[in-house]
Each structure stands twice: as structure tokens, then as C-alpha cells.
Protein backbone atom coordinates (compact mmCIF):
# COMPACT_ATOMS: atom_id res chain seq x y z
CA MET A 1 52.74 -50.94 216.33
CA SER A 2 49.52 -49.01 217.07
CA ARG A 3 49.48 -45.39 218.28
CA THR A 4 48.05 -46.57 221.61
CA ILE A 5 50.92 -48.99 222.22
CA LYS A 6 53.49 -46.40 221.14
CA ALA A 7 51.94 -43.83 223.47
CA PHE A 8 51.94 -46.27 226.39
CA LYS A 9 55.54 -47.27 225.70
CA GLY A 10 56.57 -43.61 225.59
CA TRP A 11 54.70 -42.89 228.83
CA PHE A 12 56.36 -45.83 230.57
CA ILE A 13 59.86 -44.72 229.52
CA ILE A 14 59.25 -41.13 230.62
CA LYS A 15 57.82 -42.30 233.96
CA ALA A 16 60.76 -44.64 234.59
CA LYS A 17 63.24 -41.89 233.79
CA LYS A 18 61.51 -39.47 236.14
CA GLU A 19 61.84 -42.05 238.89
CA GLY A 20 65.62 -41.70 238.51
CA SER A 21 66.25 -45.27 237.44
CA GLU A 22 68.16 -44.57 234.23
CA ILE A 23 71.83 -43.73 233.69
CA SER A 24 73.81 -43.38 230.47
CA VAL A 25 76.37 -45.80 229.12
CA GLU A 26 79.06 -43.20 229.85
CA GLU A 27 77.96 -42.94 233.49
CA THR A 28 77.91 -46.72 233.72
CA HIS A 29 81.42 -46.90 232.34
CA GLN A 30 82.59 -44.35 234.91
CA LEU A 31 81.00 -46.34 237.73
CA LEU A 32 82.78 -49.48 236.60
CA GLN A 33 86.11 -47.62 236.50
CA GLY A 34 85.62 -46.32 240.05
CA LYS A 35 86.66 -47.90 243.31
CA GLU A 36 83.15 -48.61 244.61
CA PRO A 37 81.77 -52.07 243.78
CA VAL A 38 79.02 -52.14 241.15
CA VAL A 39 76.99 -55.15 240.06
CA LEU A 40 76.26 -55.37 236.34
CA LEU A 41 73.15 -57.43 235.65
CA ASP A 42 72.49 -58.63 232.10
CA ILE A 43 68.83 -59.60 231.75
CA ARG A 44 68.91 -60.71 228.11
CA GLU A 45 68.18 -64.22 226.87
CA LYS A 46 70.97 -66.74 226.38
CA GLU A 47 70.85 -66.33 222.61
CA GLU A 48 71.34 -62.57 222.93
CA ILE A 49 74.26 -62.94 225.35
CA ALA A 50 76.02 -65.05 222.73
CA THR A 51 76.45 -61.90 220.62
CA GLY A 52 78.63 -60.36 223.37
CA TYR A 53 78.34 -59.00 226.90
CA ILE A 54 80.04 -56.53 229.24
CA GLU A 55 82.90 -58.15 231.09
CA GLY A 56 82.09 -59.01 234.68
CA ALA A 57 78.31 -59.03 234.21
CA ALA A 58 76.00 -61.40 236.05
CA PHE A 59 73.26 -63.06 233.99
CA LEU A 60 69.59 -63.49 234.80
CA PRO A 61 66.92 -63.51 232.06
CA GLN A 62 64.15 -60.98 232.60
CA GLY A 63 61.54 -63.73 232.81
CA LEU A 64 63.28 -65.21 235.87
CA LEU A 65 64.06 -61.91 237.56
CA GLY A 66 61.13 -61.90 239.98
CA GLU A 67 61.77 -65.49 240.98
CA LYS A 68 65.55 -65.56 241.36
CA VAL A 69 66.98 -62.05 241.73
CA GLU A 70 67.06 -62.18 245.55
CA ASN A 71 69.03 -65.42 245.43
CA LEU A 72 71.49 -63.97 242.95
CA LEU A 73 71.81 -60.58 244.69
CA PRO A 74 70.98 -60.95 248.40
CA ASP A 75 72.45 -57.53 249.33
CA LYS A 76 69.69 -55.07 248.46
CA ASP A 77 71.84 -52.05 249.28
CA SER A 78 74.49 -52.84 246.66
CA ALA A 79 74.74 -50.67 243.56
CA VAL A 80 73.22 -52.49 240.57
CA VAL A 81 73.17 -51.46 236.92
CA VAL A 82 70.76 -53.50 234.82
CA TYR A 83 71.11 -53.67 231.05
CA CYS A 84 69.42 -55.32 228.10
CA ALA A 85 69.78 -54.86 224.33
CA GLY A 86 68.30 -51.40 223.87
CA GLY A 87 67.44 -50.13 227.34
CA ILE A 88 63.69 -50.81 227.40
CA ARG A 89 63.43 -54.14 229.23
CA SER A 90 66.00 -52.99 231.78
CA LEU A 91 63.73 -50.10 232.81
CA ALA A 92 61.02 -52.59 233.78
CA ALA A 93 63.60 -54.78 235.51
CA ALA A 94 64.98 -51.87 237.56
CA ARG A 95 61.48 -50.91 238.59
CA LEU A 96 60.69 -54.49 239.70
CA MET A 97 63.90 -54.62 241.72
CA ARG A 98 63.10 -51.35 243.47
CA GLU A 99 59.70 -52.79 244.37
CA ARG A 100 61.55 -55.75 245.89
CA GLY A 101 63.53 -53.39 248.10
CA TYR A 102 66.73 -52.73 246.13
CA THR A 103 67.82 -49.21 246.98
CA HIS A 104 70.48 -48.43 244.37
CA VAL A 105 69.38 -50.00 241.11
CA PHE A 106 69.62 -48.30 237.72
CA SER A 107 68.84 -49.11 234.10
CA MET A 108 71.55 -48.44 231.52
CA ALA A 109 70.06 -46.27 228.79
CA LYS A 110 70.32 -47.62 225.23
CA GLY A 111 71.52 -50.99 226.54
CA ILE A 112 74.46 -52.91 225.20
CA ASP A 113 73.73 -51.58 221.72
CA GLY A 114 74.48 -48.10 223.04
CA TRP A 115 77.52 -49.44 224.90
CA LYS A 116 78.94 -50.82 221.63
CA LYS A 117 78.19 -47.63 219.70
CA ALA A 118 80.04 -45.64 222.36
CA GLY A 119 83.11 -47.74 221.58
CA TYR A 120 83.25 -49.66 224.85
CA GLU A 121 84.48 -53.23 224.84
CA VAL A 122 82.33 -56.34 224.92
CA VAL A 123 83.48 -59.93 225.34
CA SER A 124 82.17 -63.25 224.09
CA ASP A 125 82.66 -66.90 224.91
CA SER A 126 81.85 -68.06 221.39
CA GLU A 127 83.95 -69.63 218.63
CA LEU A 128 82.90 -66.83 216.27
CA THR A 129 84.97 -63.79 215.40
CA PRO A 130 83.65 -60.34 216.39
CA GLU A 131 82.65 -59.74 212.76
CA GLN A 132 80.78 -63.04 212.62
CA LEU A 133 79.01 -62.26 215.89
CA THR A 134 77.68 -59.10 214.30
CA ARG A 135 76.92 -60.65 210.89
CA TYR A 136 74.96 -63.56 212.35
CA SER A 137 73.54 -61.76 215.39
CA ARG A 138 69.92 -62.20 214.24
CA HIS A 139 70.51 -65.95 213.95
CA LEU A 140 72.12 -66.09 217.37
CA MET A 141 69.04 -64.54 218.94
CA LEU A 142 66.79 -67.27 217.55
CA LYS A 143 66.29 -70.17 219.94
CA GLU A 144 65.97 -72.47 216.94
CA VAL A 145 69.48 -71.52 215.74
CA GLY A 146 71.52 -69.88 218.49
CA MET A 147 75.27 -70.22 218.82
CA GLU A 148 75.30 -74.00 218.44
CA GLY A 149 73.24 -73.88 215.26
CA GLN A 150 75.34 -71.12 213.71
CA VAL A 151 78.56 -73.00 214.40
CA GLN A 152 77.04 -76.06 212.71
CA LEU A 153 76.12 -73.93 209.70
CA LEU A 154 79.67 -72.63 209.46
CA LYS A 155 80.97 -76.20 209.47
CA ALA A 156 78.38 -77.49 206.98
CA GLU A 157 79.18 -78.52 203.41
CA VAL A 158 76.33 -78.31 200.90
CA LEU A 159 76.37 -79.23 197.21
CA LEU A 160 74.21 -77.41 194.65
CA VAL A 161 73.45 -79.47 191.58
CA GLY A 162 72.69 -76.80 189.01
CA ALA A 163 73.20 -73.05 189.27
CA GLY A 164 70.06 -71.91 187.49
CA GLY A 165 66.63 -70.72 188.56
CA LEU A 166 66.61 -72.90 191.70
CA GLY A 167 70.33 -73.08 192.43
CA CYS A 168 70.87 -69.30 192.34
CA PRO A 169 68.49 -68.33 195.20
CA ALA A 170 69.54 -71.43 197.15
CA GLY A 171 73.20 -70.44 196.84
CA LEU A 172 72.45 -66.84 197.78
CA TYR A 173 70.60 -67.78 200.97
CA LEU A 174 73.05 -70.50 201.97
CA ALA A 175 75.88 -67.99 201.69
CA ALA A 176 74.02 -65.30 203.59
CA ALA A 177 73.16 -67.79 206.35
CA GLY A 178 76.82 -68.69 206.80
CA VAL A 179 77.04 -72.20 205.39
CA GLY A 180 80.78 -72.78 205.43
CA THR A 181 81.32 -74.68 202.18
CA ILE A 182 79.12 -74.55 199.08
CA GLY A 183 79.85 -76.82 196.13
CA ILE A 184 78.39 -75.92 192.73
CA ILE A 185 78.25 -78.29 189.76
CA ASP A 186 77.04 -76.91 186.44
CA SER A 187 78.46 -77.10 182.92
CA ASP A 188 76.51 -74.19 181.44
CA LYS A 189 77.47 -70.61 180.68
CA VAL A 190 75.36 -67.57 181.57
CA ASP A 191 72.89 -66.66 178.83
CA LEU A 192 70.97 -63.40 178.43
CA THR A 193 67.71 -65.34 178.87
CA ASN A 194 68.86 -66.45 182.35
CA LEU A 195 69.00 -62.98 183.85
CA GLN A 196 65.29 -62.53 184.54
CA ARG A 197 65.36 -65.26 187.19
CA GLN A 198 68.91 -66.44 187.91
CA ILE A 199 69.73 -63.78 190.46
CA LEU A 200 73.42 -64.52 191.02
CA TYR A 201 74.27 -63.16 187.57
CA GLY A 202 74.37 -59.79 185.83
CA LEU A 203 74.80 -58.55 182.28
CA ALA A 204 78.58 -58.63 182.57
CA ASP A 205 78.41 -62.38 183.27
CA VAL A 206 76.80 -63.33 179.95
CA GLY A 207 79.03 -65.89 178.24
CA ARG A 208 80.96 -66.76 181.40
CA PRO A 209 80.75 -70.15 183.15
CA LYS A 210 77.94 -70.15 185.69
CA THR A 211 80.14 -71.72 188.33
CA GLU A 212 82.70 -68.94 188.01
CA SER A 213 80.14 -66.14 188.13
CA ALA A 214 78.26 -67.79 190.99
CA ARG A 215 81.45 -68.14 193.04
CA GLU A 216 82.22 -64.43 192.66
CA ALA A 217 78.64 -63.43 193.54
CA ILE A 218 78.65 -65.62 196.65
CA HIS A 219 81.96 -64.15 197.79
CA ARG A 220 80.48 -60.67 197.43
CA ILE A 221 77.66 -61.72 199.74
CA ASN A 222 79.85 -63.52 202.25
CA PRO A 223 83.63 -63.78 201.74
CA ASP A 224 83.88 -66.32 204.57
CA VAL A 225 82.18 -68.98 202.45
CA LYS A 226 84.40 -71.51 200.67
CA VAL A 227 83.04 -72.17 197.18
CA VAL A 228 84.09 -75.35 195.35
CA THR A 229 83.18 -75.39 191.66
CA TYR A 230 82.75 -78.24 189.18
CA GLN A 231 82.52 -76.93 185.61
CA GLU A 232 81.12 -80.20 184.30
CA ARG A 233 77.92 -82.19 183.97
CA LEU A 234 76.87 -84.57 186.70
CA THR A 235 77.33 -88.12 185.40
CA PRO A 236 77.19 -91.65 186.79
CA GLN A 237 80.99 -91.61 186.65
CA ASN A 238 81.53 -88.54 188.89
CA ALA A 239 78.40 -88.36 191.06
CA ILE A 240 79.42 -90.72 193.86
CA LYS A 241 82.88 -89.23 194.19
CA ILE A 242 81.57 -85.66 194.39
CA PHE A 243 78.64 -86.40 196.70
CA LYS A 244 80.87 -88.10 199.29
CA GLU A 245 82.44 -84.72 200.12
CA TYR A 246 79.17 -83.05 201.23
CA ASP A 247 76.64 -83.21 204.05
CA ILE A 248 73.53 -82.29 202.04
CA ILE A 249 72.69 -82.37 198.34
CA ILE A 250 70.38 -79.71 196.88
CA ASP A 251 68.95 -80.49 193.45
CA GLY A 252 68.37 -77.48 191.19
CA SER A 253 68.55 -79.42 187.93
CA ASP A 254 66.02 -78.97 185.12
CA ASN A 255 65.70 -82.47 183.67
CA PHE A 256 64.55 -85.86 184.89
CA PRO A 257 67.64 -87.94 184.06
CA THR A 258 69.73 -85.66 186.30
CA LYS A 259 67.14 -85.67 189.07
CA TYR A 260 67.07 -89.45 189.16
CA LEU A 261 70.87 -89.56 189.07
CA VAL A 262 70.97 -87.14 192.04
CA ASN A 263 68.49 -89.35 193.88
CA ASP A 264 70.47 -92.53 193.24
CA ALA A 265 73.84 -91.02 194.15
CA SER A 266 72.36 -89.51 197.32
CA PHE A 267 70.91 -92.90 198.24
CA PHE A 268 74.18 -94.77 197.80
CA THR A 269 76.21 -92.13 199.65
CA ALA A 270 73.55 -91.82 202.41
CA LYS A 271 73.20 -88.07 201.92
CA PRO A 272 69.99 -86.10 202.56
CA TYR A 273 68.58 -85.01 199.20
CA ILE A 274 66.64 -81.76 198.84
CA TYR A 275 64.48 -82.10 195.74
CA GLY A 276 63.08 -79.15 193.84
CA GLY A 277 61.29 -78.62 190.56
CA VAL A 278 59.52 -75.69 188.97
CA PHE A 279 57.54 -74.99 185.80
CA GLN A 280 56.10 -71.53 185.16
CA PHE A 281 54.01 -70.78 188.30
CA GLU A 282 54.03 -74.27 189.79
CA GLY A 283 56.68 -75.94 191.88
CA GLN A 284 57.46 -78.97 193.99
CA ALA A 285 59.86 -79.47 196.86
CA SER A 286 60.66 -82.39 199.11
CA VAL A 287 63.35 -83.80 201.39
CA PHE A 288 64.47 -87.41 201.09
CA CYS A 289 66.50 -89.08 203.87
CA PRO A 290 66.71 -92.80 203.11
CA LYS A 291 69.48 -93.19 205.70
CA GLU A 292 66.87 -92.49 208.38
CA GLY A 293 64.38 -94.98 207.00
CA GLY A 294 62.45 -92.66 204.73
CA PRO A 295 61.62 -93.12 201.05
CA CYS A 296 63.60 -91.88 198.07
CA LEU A 297 62.39 -90.33 194.83
CA ARG A 298 62.17 -93.73 193.13
CA CYS A 299 59.91 -94.98 195.94
CA LEU A 300 57.35 -92.37 194.88
CA PHE A 301 58.03 -92.39 191.13
CA PRO A 302 59.92 -95.56 190.14
CA GLU A 303 60.74 -94.32 186.63
CA PRO A 304 61.06 -90.88 185.06
CA PRO A 305 58.37 -89.88 182.56
CA PRO A 306 59.09 -90.55 178.87
CA PRO A 307 61.05 -87.84 177.04
CA GLY A 308 58.82 -85.03 175.78
CA LEU A 309 55.86 -85.89 178.01
CA VAL A 310 56.62 -83.25 180.66
CA PRO A 311 57.91 -79.77 179.68
CA SER A 312 61.06 -78.43 181.30
């Protein structure tokens, strides 16, 4: 943010405060406890409201305030406290409402963030626990994710084939994002040479099964995640049975026979297949969804290259 913008923002806040439009969260709480009726107006977006709101609040996004506030609040002499996340947008909203003729409108300083920090209660209509609302709050504020998307993530079941250089960061980010169940299949043990890139492991994990170490690391990131481990190689005998239990298959294997096996098992179980491959500073990634009419790996490359032709 440039100095000019910061200076303007500071000037606007000072000007709004001088106009007497701002009250503290404590004063707001006292008003709500009193006998006189007070209208609480939450001007945040739907995705923000999903993280929690003050009980009894009315909702009107700031972008619709000028168009719809008079329909929502026809009595312009009623006491109104406007709040947002941090108390900045509500200053502009209070000013607009005063320009529209509202005589007793105030902005709650520090917004609902300040309300929470003061220890006052918020409520939510979501399926998430209070801790989850806080943990995933940045997701909930994204229109592309929101509450519905986060709930789907929590219900999702994703299988990682391989817990090495590709599987480790994939597992870390899936866990952090809140994917509810992560399966990991890998028969290897952690080696000292793995540690420069396989970020789920540390020195104390050398010699331990990767699945075991990965499960512990994922639980440290997000204990809500269920981790199912398969300390074995993926084979034609177990692939179909394992894949049936998951929604999406992520391939982090390091050899072509396994990659083609993952492709074939994903095809026959109608599972989306996330393909990945890396060598030194080059990498490839793709998504195959044959169930939806798209190609599979064999459609692009019918046969794997001969052994020894391509380094791994």
C-alpha cells in the first residue's frame, strides 16, 4: 500500500470519527443489553458472515447498501450500529446512511474482529465447529470456496500414491486445506537422501516407514484429518480395491509401471486421476477424468517408454 493511500485512509478514519459516527465494541454491547431497541447491521459479504455474526443482526452487503437500505430499515430515526470485519467499511456505510437521512447511525470500531477479541459471543449457522470456523476462515471468505466448498473438502477422501517428493507437499496442503480423509500408499522407509525435498519428514524419521511418519506429520498440521495408511506397494491385485474407497487419486509415484497402473485403476473405478511427474527442474502435471468423457494417460501415451530410456 502506497504512502498516499495510507495517508488518505488515515484521513478518512479520523474524519469519520470526528463526525461522531464511531462507537466501541463495549459501547455497542451495552446498547444491546439496554432496554432501547437497537438495530445491528452486518454489511459483510455472505462468505464472511459464514465465519460467525452477532446474534440478532440484520444482513446487507455494503455493495447493496445504497440500493436497499431504505427498504430494509424504513425508520430513519431508529438507532443503528453498523459493523464489518475490522471497522473500516462500516465507517463508510454509516456515513452513507447519514447522507440518506438516518439520524442515529454508528459504526462499531474494530468490527466483529474486535467484538471477538473482547470475548463477546458470536453465532453461526454452519456445520463447522467454532475452531473449524476460525481455522478455515480464509477459505470461507473466498467466493470460490465458501461454506459449501469447505464442507465438501471436509467430506472428501483423497488417495496419495507415493509419499515422496510429490506426495509430501500434496499431503501437507491437503491436510492444511481440511480434506477430511487422506489415504497414503507407499512401501518405502525414510532415507537421509529424502530430507532435502520430502518435507513431511525430519531427521528423527530416518529408517521409519514413510506412511507412519507422514501420518504423524499430517496430524501435527491438522488433527481433524483422518489418515489411512497402506504400507505396501501398489499392485494390480490391490489397486482396484483401494481406489474404490476414494474420490480422487493423486499420483506421486516415481516410475512408469506404477503411473500406468494408477491410470488403469483410476479408469476402471471411474476416479479422477491427478498425474504428476518431475525430474530435476522440469515437471509435468495433468488431470484425467475419463468418466466425464475425457482422455486417460494411455490415450496420450499408449505405452510406457522402455526401461532405462527415461531417468527417474
